[in-house]
Protein backbone atom coordinates (compact mmCIF):
# COMPACT_ATOMS: atom_id res chain seq x y z
CA MET A 1 131.81 -119.11 199.79
CA LYS A 2 133.59 -118.71 203.12
CA ARG A 3 133.49 -122.50 203.55
CA VAL A 4 134.92 -122.92 200.03
CA VAL A 5 137.81 -120.58 200.83
CA ILE A 6 138.56 -122.50 204.04
CA ILE A 7 138.50 -125.84 202.20
CA LEU A 8 140.84 -124.70 199.44
CA SER A 9 143.23 -123.29 202.03
CA LEU A 10 143.46 -126.69 203.69
CA VAL A 11 144.05 -128.80 200.59
CA ALA A 12 146.23 -126.57 198.39
CA LEU A 13 149.62 -128.19 199.01
CA ALA A 14 152.26 -130.44 197.44
CA TYR A 15 155.64 -130.26 195.78
CA GLY A 16 157.63 -131.60 192.83
CA LEU A 17 161.28 -132.55 192.40
CA PHE A 18 161.48 -133.60 188.74
CA PRO A 19 161.84 -131.13 185.83
CA HIS A 20 158.50 -130.16 184.36
CA SER A 21 159.60 -130.23 180.73
CA ALA A 22 156.49 -132.04 179.50
CA ARG A 23 154.24 -129.10 180.32
CA GLY A 24 155.32 -127.31 177.18
CA GLN A 25 155.19 -130.38 174.94
CA GLU A 26 152.42 -132.03 172.98
CA GLU A 27 151.44 -135.67 173.38
CA GLN A 28 154.92 -137.25 173.11
CA PRO A 29 156.08 -138.40 176.57
CA GLN A 30 159.52 -137.46 177.82
CA SER A 31 161.49 -140.42 179.17
CA VAL A 32 164.69 -140.65 181.22
CA GLY A 33 165.52 -144.18 182.33
CA SER A 34 162.51 -145.55 184.14
CA PHE A 35 160.97 -142.07 184.53
CA GLU A 36 158.46 -140.75 182.02
CA GLU A 37 156.20 -137.70 181.98
CA GLY A 38 153.62 -136.54 179.50
CA TYR A 39 149.89 -136.04 178.96
CA VAL A 40 146.87 -138.30 178.63
CA PRO A 41 144.36 -136.81 176.14
CA ILE A 42 140.76 -136.74 177.32
CA PRO A 43 137.54 -135.36 175.74
CA ASP A 44 136.96 -131.68 174.96
CA GLY A 45 140.60 -131.17 173.97
CA LEU A 46 141.82 -131.49 177.57
CA ARG A 47 144.91 -133.30 178.84
CA LEU A 48 145.90 -134.90 182.12
CA TYR A 49 149.52 -134.44 183.13
CA TYR A 50 151.18 -137.62 184.39
CA ARG A 51 154.46 -138.99 185.71
CA LYS A 52 155.38 -142.64 185.43
CA PHE A 53 158.22 -144.19 187.41
CA GLY A 54 159.44 -147.78 187.70
CA SER A 55 159.05 -150.92 185.63
CA GLY A 56 157.50 -153.42 188.03
CA LYS A 57 154.82 -155.79 186.75
CA ARG A 58 152.38 -154.59 189.40
CA VAL A 59 151.00 -151.14 188.57
CA VAL A 60 149.80 -148.56 191.07
CA VAL A 61 147.76 -145.60 189.79
CA VAL A 62 147.91 -142.53 192.01
CA PRO A 63 145.56 -139.61 191.24
CA LEU A 64 146.39 -136.19 192.74
CA ARG A 65 150.02 -136.36 191.61
CA LEU A 66 150.58 -132.81 192.82
CA PHE A 67 150.31 -134.04 196.41
CA LEU A 68 151.56 -137.61 196.22
CA PHE A 69 154.09 -138.43 193.53
CA ASP A 70 157.29 -137.41 195.27
CA ASP A 71 156.38 -139.54 198.26
CA PHE A 72 155.10 -142.51 196.27
CA LYS A 73 157.96 -142.68 193.79
CA GLN A 74 159.98 -144.56 196.42
CA LEU A 75 157.78 -147.58 195.63
CA SER A 76 159.09 -147.66 192.04
CA ASP A 77 161.82 -150.11 193.02
CA GLU A 78 159.12 -152.80 193.15
CA PHE A 79 156.09 -151.32 191.35
CA THR A 80 155.27 -149.18 188.35
CA ILE A 81 153.84 -145.91 189.67
CA ILE A 82 151.58 -143.87 187.38
CA SER A 83 150.51 -140.63 189.00
CA PHE A 84 148.42 -137.92 187.35
CA ASP A 85 146.84 -134.57 188.05
CA PRO A 86 143.04 -134.52 187.84
CA ARG A 87 141.43 -132.14 185.39
CA ASN A 88 141.80 -128.47 186.36
CA ARG A 89 144.45 -129.40 188.97
CA GLY A 90 148.24 -129.31 189.02
CA PHE A 91 149.69 -129.22 185.50
CA SER A 92 146.62 -130.71 183.81
CA SER A 93 144.44 -128.63 181.50
CA PRO A 94 142.34 -125.88 183.06
CA VAL A 95 138.63 -126.51 182.54
CA GLN A 96 136.36 -123.62 181.61
CA ASP A 97 133.09 -125.57 181.56
CA ASN A 98 131.94 -125.64 185.19
CA SER A 99 129.65 -128.60 184.52
CA LYS A 100 132.77 -130.71 183.88
CA LEU A 101 134.22 -130.06 187.35
CA THR A 102 132.71 -133.03 189.15
CA ILE A 103 133.75 -136.11 191.09
CA ASN A 104 132.08 -138.22 188.39
CA GLU A 105 134.36 -136.74 185.72
CA ASP A 106 137.32 -137.55 187.97
CA ILE A 107 136.18 -141.17 188.09
CA GLU A 108 135.89 -141.35 184.31
CA ASP A 109 139.35 -139.78 183.99
CA ILE A 110 140.81 -142.62 186.06
CA GLU A 111 139.28 -145.01 183.53
CA ARG A 112 140.73 -142.93 180.67
CA VAL A 113 144.16 -143.16 182.25
CA ARG A 114 143.74 -146.93 182.57
CA GLN A 115 142.80 -147.20 178.90
CA HIS A 116 145.66 -144.94 177.81
CA PHE A 117 148.24 -147.19 179.49
CA ARG A 118 146.34 -150.37 178.52
CA LEU A 119 146.17 -151.65 182.05
CA GLN A 120 144.17 -154.81 182.62
CA LYS A 121 144.65 -154.86 186.40
CA PHE A 122 146.07 -152.27 188.77
CA SER A 123 145.93 -151.00 192.31
CA LEU A 124 144.52 -147.55 193.02
CA VAL A 125 145.34 -144.93 195.65
CA GLY A 126 142.89 -142.24 196.78
CA TYR A 127 143.89 -139.32 198.97
CA SER A 128 141.42 -136.94 200.66
CA TYR A 129 138.34 -136.51 198.44
CA MET A 130 139.78 -139.07 196.05
CA GLY A 131 139.55 -141.55 198.93
CA LEU A 132 135.86 -141.38 198.15
CA GLY A 133 136.51 -141.23 194.41
CA VAL A 134 138.46 -144.48 194.22
CA VAL A 135 135.62 -146.36 195.93
CA LEU A 136 133.21 -144.91 193.37
CA TYR A 137 135.57 -146.11 190.64
CA ALA A 138 135.65 -149.58 192.23
CA MET A 139 131.85 -149.66 192.24
CA LYS A 140 131.73 -148.92 188.50
CA TYR A 141 134.84 -150.73 187.20
CA PRO A 142 135.58 -153.55 189.66
CA GLN A 143 137.00 -155.86 186.98
CA HIS A 144 140.16 -153.76 186.62
CA LEU A 145 141.16 -153.42 190.25
CA GLU A 146 143.42 -155.52 192.45
CA ARG A 147 143.63 -153.42 195.61
CA LEU A 148 142.56 -150.02 196.93
CA ILE A 149 144.35 -147.67 199.31
CA GLN A 150 142.59 -144.74 200.98
CA LEU A 151 144.68 -141.98 202.56
CA GLY A 152 142.77 -139.68 204.89
CA PRO A 153 139.49 -140.22 203.01
CA VAL A 154 136.58 -137.81 203.33
CA PRO A 155 133.27 -139.33 204.52
CA LEU A 156 130.83 -141.10 202.24
CA LYS A 157 128.25 -138.45 203.15
CA TYR A 158 129.52 -134.90 202.83
CA GLY A 159 129.48 -133.09 206.17
CA THR A 160 129.08 -136.21 208.35
CA GLU A 161 129.74 -135.38 211.99
CA TYR A 162 131.61 -137.81 214.21
CA PRO A 163 132.05 -138.12 217.96
CA LYS A 164 134.54 -135.70 219.41
CA SER A 165 136.89 -138.56 220.20
CA LEU A 166 137.17 -139.29 216.46
CA THR A 167 138.10 -135.77 215.39
CA ALA A 168 141.31 -133.75 215.69
CA ASN A 169 139.84 -132.01 218.74
CA ASP A 170 142.66 -129.44 219.03
CA PRO A 171 142.73 -127.70 222.42
CA GLN A 172 143.55 -124.43 220.65
CA PRO A 173 143.58 -123.20 217.02
CA VAL A 174 146.48 -124.45 214.94
CA ILE A 175 146.51 -121.40 212.67
CA ASP A 176 147.66 -118.06 214.07
CA ALA A 177 144.48 -115.93 214.22
CA ALA A 178 146.29 -112.62 213.70
CA LYS A 179 148.12 -113.89 210.62
CA LEU A 180 144.92 -115.39 209.28
CA LYS A 181 143.26 -111.99 209.61
CA GLU A 182 146.17 -110.38 207.77
CA LEU A 183 145.76 -112.88 204.95
CA GLU A 184 142.04 -112.15 204.72
CA GLU A 185 142.76 -108.41 204.54
CA LEU A 186 145.16 -109.08 201.66
CA ARG A 187 142.43 -110.98 199.87
CA LYS A 188 139.91 -108.18 200.42
CA SER A 189 142.41 -105.71 198.98
CA GLY A 190 142.55 -107.74 195.76
CA PHE A 191 146.10 -109.00 196.29
CA ASP A 192 144.99 -112.53 195.38
CA GLN A 193 143.92 -111.17 191.97
CA SER A 194 146.83 -108.82 191.29
CA SER A 195 149.58 -111.12 192.63
CA PRO A 196 148.04 -114.62 192.60
CA LYS A 197 151.28 -116.58 192.96
CA GLU A 198 152.56 -114.42 195.83
CA PHE A 199 149.21 -114.66 197.61
CA CYS A 200 149.29 -118.44 197.16
CA GLN A 201 152.76 -118.58 198.72
CA GLN A 202 151.72 -116.53 201.72
CA GLN A 203 148.63 -118.66 202.22
CA TRP A 204 150.71 -121.84 202.04
CA GLN A 205 153.15 -120.64 204.67
CA LEU A 206 150.23 -120.13 207.05
CA MET A 207 147.79 -122.93 206.24
CA ARG A 208 150.30 -125.80 205.95
CA PHE A 209 150.27 -126.21 209.74
CA ASN A 210 146.77 -127.68 209.43
CA LEU A 211 148.23 -130.63 207.56
CA VAL A 212 150.52 -131.96 210.29
CA GLY A 213 149.73 -133.17 213.78
CA ASN A 214 153.03 -131.89 215.14
CA PRO A 215 154.12 -128.39 214.02
CA ALA A 216 157.73 -129.61 214.09
CA ASN A 217 156.90 -131.77 211.06
CA VAL A 218 155.74 -128.93 208.83
CA GLU A 219 158.95 -128.75 206.78
CA LYS A 220 158.36 -132.34 205.68
CA LEU A 221 155.58 -131.00 203.45
CA GLY A 222 157.93 -129.25 201.04
CA ARG A 223 157.45 -125.94 199.28
CA GLY A 224 153.83 -126.04 198.20
CA VAL A 225 152.07 -125.93 194.82
CA CYS A 226 152.26 -122.26 193.94
CA ASP A 227 154.25 -122.90 190.75
CA MET A 228 150.99 -124.33 189.32
CA PRO A 229 148.47 -121.65 188.26
CA ASN A 230 145.60 -124.12 188.65
CA GLU A 231 146.41 -124.19 192.37
CA TRP A 232 146.41 -120.43 192.93
CA PRO A 233 143.52 -119.62 195.30
CA VAL A 234 142.02 -117.22 192.79
CA ASN A 235 141.59 -120.15 190.37
CA LEU A 236 141.03 -122.98 192.84
CA ALA A 237 137.99 -121.36 194.46
CA ARG A 238 135.89 -121.94 191.33
CA HIS A 239 137.06 -125.54 191.12
CA PHE A 240 135.96 -126.33 194.66
CA GLN A 241 132.72 -124.42 194.31
CA TYR A 242 131.55 -126.83 191.60
CA HIS A 243 133.48 -129.96 192.51
CA PHE A 244 132.38 -130.08 196.14
CA THR A 245 128.82 -129.36 195.09
CA SER A 246 128.98 -132.54 193.03
CA VAL A 247 130.23 -134.45 196.10
CA GLN A 248 127.39 -133.04 198.20
CA ARG A 249 124.88 -134.32 195.63
CA LEU A 250 126.04 -137.93 195.85
CA ASN A 251 123.44 -140.29 197.24
CA ILE A 252 125.16 -143.63 197.74
CA SER A 253 124.02 -146.13 200.33
CA LYS A 254 126.25 -148.15 202.61
CA ALA A 255 124.75 -151.26 201.03
CA GLU A 256 126.11 -150.19 197.66
CA VAL A 257 129.55 -149.56 199.16
CA ALA A 258 129.49 -153.01 200.75
CA LYS A 259 129.48 -154.57 197.27
CA VAL A 260 133.13 -153.51 196.82
CA SER A 261 134.79 -156.80 197.70
CA ILE A 262 138.46 -156.19 196.80
CA PRO A 263 140.99 -155.64 199.61
CA VAL A 264 141.10 -152.06 200.87
CA LEU A 265 143.68 -150.51 203.19
CA THR A 266 142.47 -147.30 204.81
CA ILE A 267 145.18 -145.15 206.40
CA HIS A 268 144.07 -142.30 208.63
CA GLY A 269 145.68 -139.97 211.16
CA THR A 270 143.95 -139.31 214.47
CA LYS A 271 144.53 -135.55 214.19
CA ASP A 272 143.29 -135.14 210.63
CA ARG A 273 141.55 -131.74 210.40
CA ASN A 274 140.52 -131.98 206.74
CA ALA A 275 138.84 -135.39 206.83
CA PRO A 276 138.10 -136.54 210.39
CA TYR A 277 139.58 -139.78 211.64
CA GLY A 278 136.04 -141.05 212.15
CA ALA A 279 135.63 -141.16 208.37
CA GLY A 280 138.48 -143.66 208.09
CA ARG A 281 136.90 -145.88 210.73
CA GLU A 282 133.54 -145.65 209.01
CA TRP A 283 134.97 -146.65 205.61
CA ALA A 284 136.77 -149.62 207.15
CA MET A 285 133.46 -150.73 208.69
CA MET A 286 131.45 -150.34 205.48
CA LEU A 287 133.89 -152.08 203.12
CA PRO A 288 133.70 -155.86 203.67
CA ASN A 289 137.37 -156.60 202.96
CA ALA A 290 139.01 -153.55 204.53
CA CYS A 291 141.43 -152.84 207.35
CA LEU A 292 142.31 -149.56 209.00
CA LEU A 293 145.85 -148.46 209.80
CA THR A 294 145.62 -145.73 212.44
CA ILE A 295 148.49 -143.23 212.53
CA GLU A 296 148.52 -141.77 216.01
CA GLY A 297 149.00 -138.02 216.08
CA ALA A 298 149.13 -137.62 212.30
CA ALA A 299 147.06 -135.10 210.39
CA HIS A 300 145.91 -135.05 206.74
CA GLN A 301 149.31 -135.76 205.19
CA ALA A 302 150.23 -138.74 207.32
CA PHE A 303 152.20 -140.18 204.39
CA ALA A 304 154.58 -137.18 204.51
CA GLU A 305 154.59 -136.80 208.28
CA PHE A 306 155.19 -140.49 209.12
CA PRO A 307 156.59 -142.14 205.97
CA GLU A 308 158.47 -144.69 208.07
CA ILE A 309 155.08 -146.09 209.15
CA VAL A 310 152.95 -145.49 206.07
CA PHE A 311 155.12 -146.81 203.23
CA PRO A 312 156.24 -150.12 204.75
CA ALA A 313 152.54 -150.78 205.40
CA ILE A 314 151.65 -149.89 201.80
CA ARG A 315 154.37 -152.19 200.45
CA THR A 316 153.09 -155.07 202.53
CA PHE A 317 149.54 -154.47 201.36
CA LEU A 318 150.39 -154.10 197.66
CA LYS A 319 152.30 -157.40 197.80
CA GLY A 320 149.21 -159.21 199.08
CA GLY A 321 149.43 -158.97 202.87
CA TRP A 322 148.02 -156.86 205.65
CA PRO A 323 150.17 -154.56 207.79
CA ALA A 324 150.78 -155.98 211.27
CA LYS A 325 148.89 -153.14 212.98
CA ALA A 326 145.97 -153.00 210.55
CA GLU A 327 142.62 -153.24 212.34
CA ARG A 328 139.43 -154.96 211.31
CA VAL A 329 137.05 -152.26 212.45
CA LYS A 330 133.95 -153.58 214.19
CA SER A 331 132.69 -150.37 215.83
CA LEU A 332 132.94 -146.69 215.06
CA GLU A 333 134.29 -145.80 218.48
CA ARG A 334 137.75 -147.05 219.38
CA ALA A 335 138.08 -149.70 222.03
CA LYS A 336 139.36 -148.34 225.32
CA ALA A 337 142.95 -149.30 226.16
């Protein structure tokens, strides 16, 4: 459980700028110009909250809206962006059945979103654990995909250890130990249960520093996700307990991964503390038509920390090219300069 608490502390972040009017509505989407928000119905009476922006012919589906939409909406001048919250996350329906909190359900939900919007072909973005998830989707539904983008993907094998040179390797802890102890005392006192939103906000103020390579960039991350009850630590702990167990149980060979032949752009920061940089290099080696864009000094949210590097590269890739600095990875270790 201690590991679960640490994991949820590292990934519970994001922000939103658009009104959230659709949360109180039924299935009818709310549209303003090229912006639309609403819900995709899925089995068991659940719904996935989505935002759609842009009218481009090329469609990009972005799971984990709660982290990504406000950064990715800038691409709506050329592409149609459809971003949604996975089940039990963000503004999507809470899930009471623990057996339905799995990476495999997330993959099927991507397919349900595709069917809902009647997409024949689209590109797909996977951040963090969904960096793994989008490859699993590509293995099962290759006929619908044009291109894949991985952002700070977790390893294929849960818990894979990489050489020290391919990890964040911080010389000292990023999180203030005294403040972390204070937060743990609050949790022990039951504050996370009695005041879940306030506890979430205090945790965010502390743990967000893990998500940037340079502490000076922390304000680029926005105000957090504590306006979403699904993201309160008291609720998120159960989600990760079952979801990450499902990831641990995966048994997929590198040979199976190598069958994914579509172009893949993997983007990974060298100081990523949530998913080590070595994982990005490993994915780019396994996938036969992949390149790695290394973001020097970036942590898990490289797209927020260095948007001036990440989004021009993504535009180039989505339009059929490869970013100038994208690397065809031939070895796990980096070549010495």
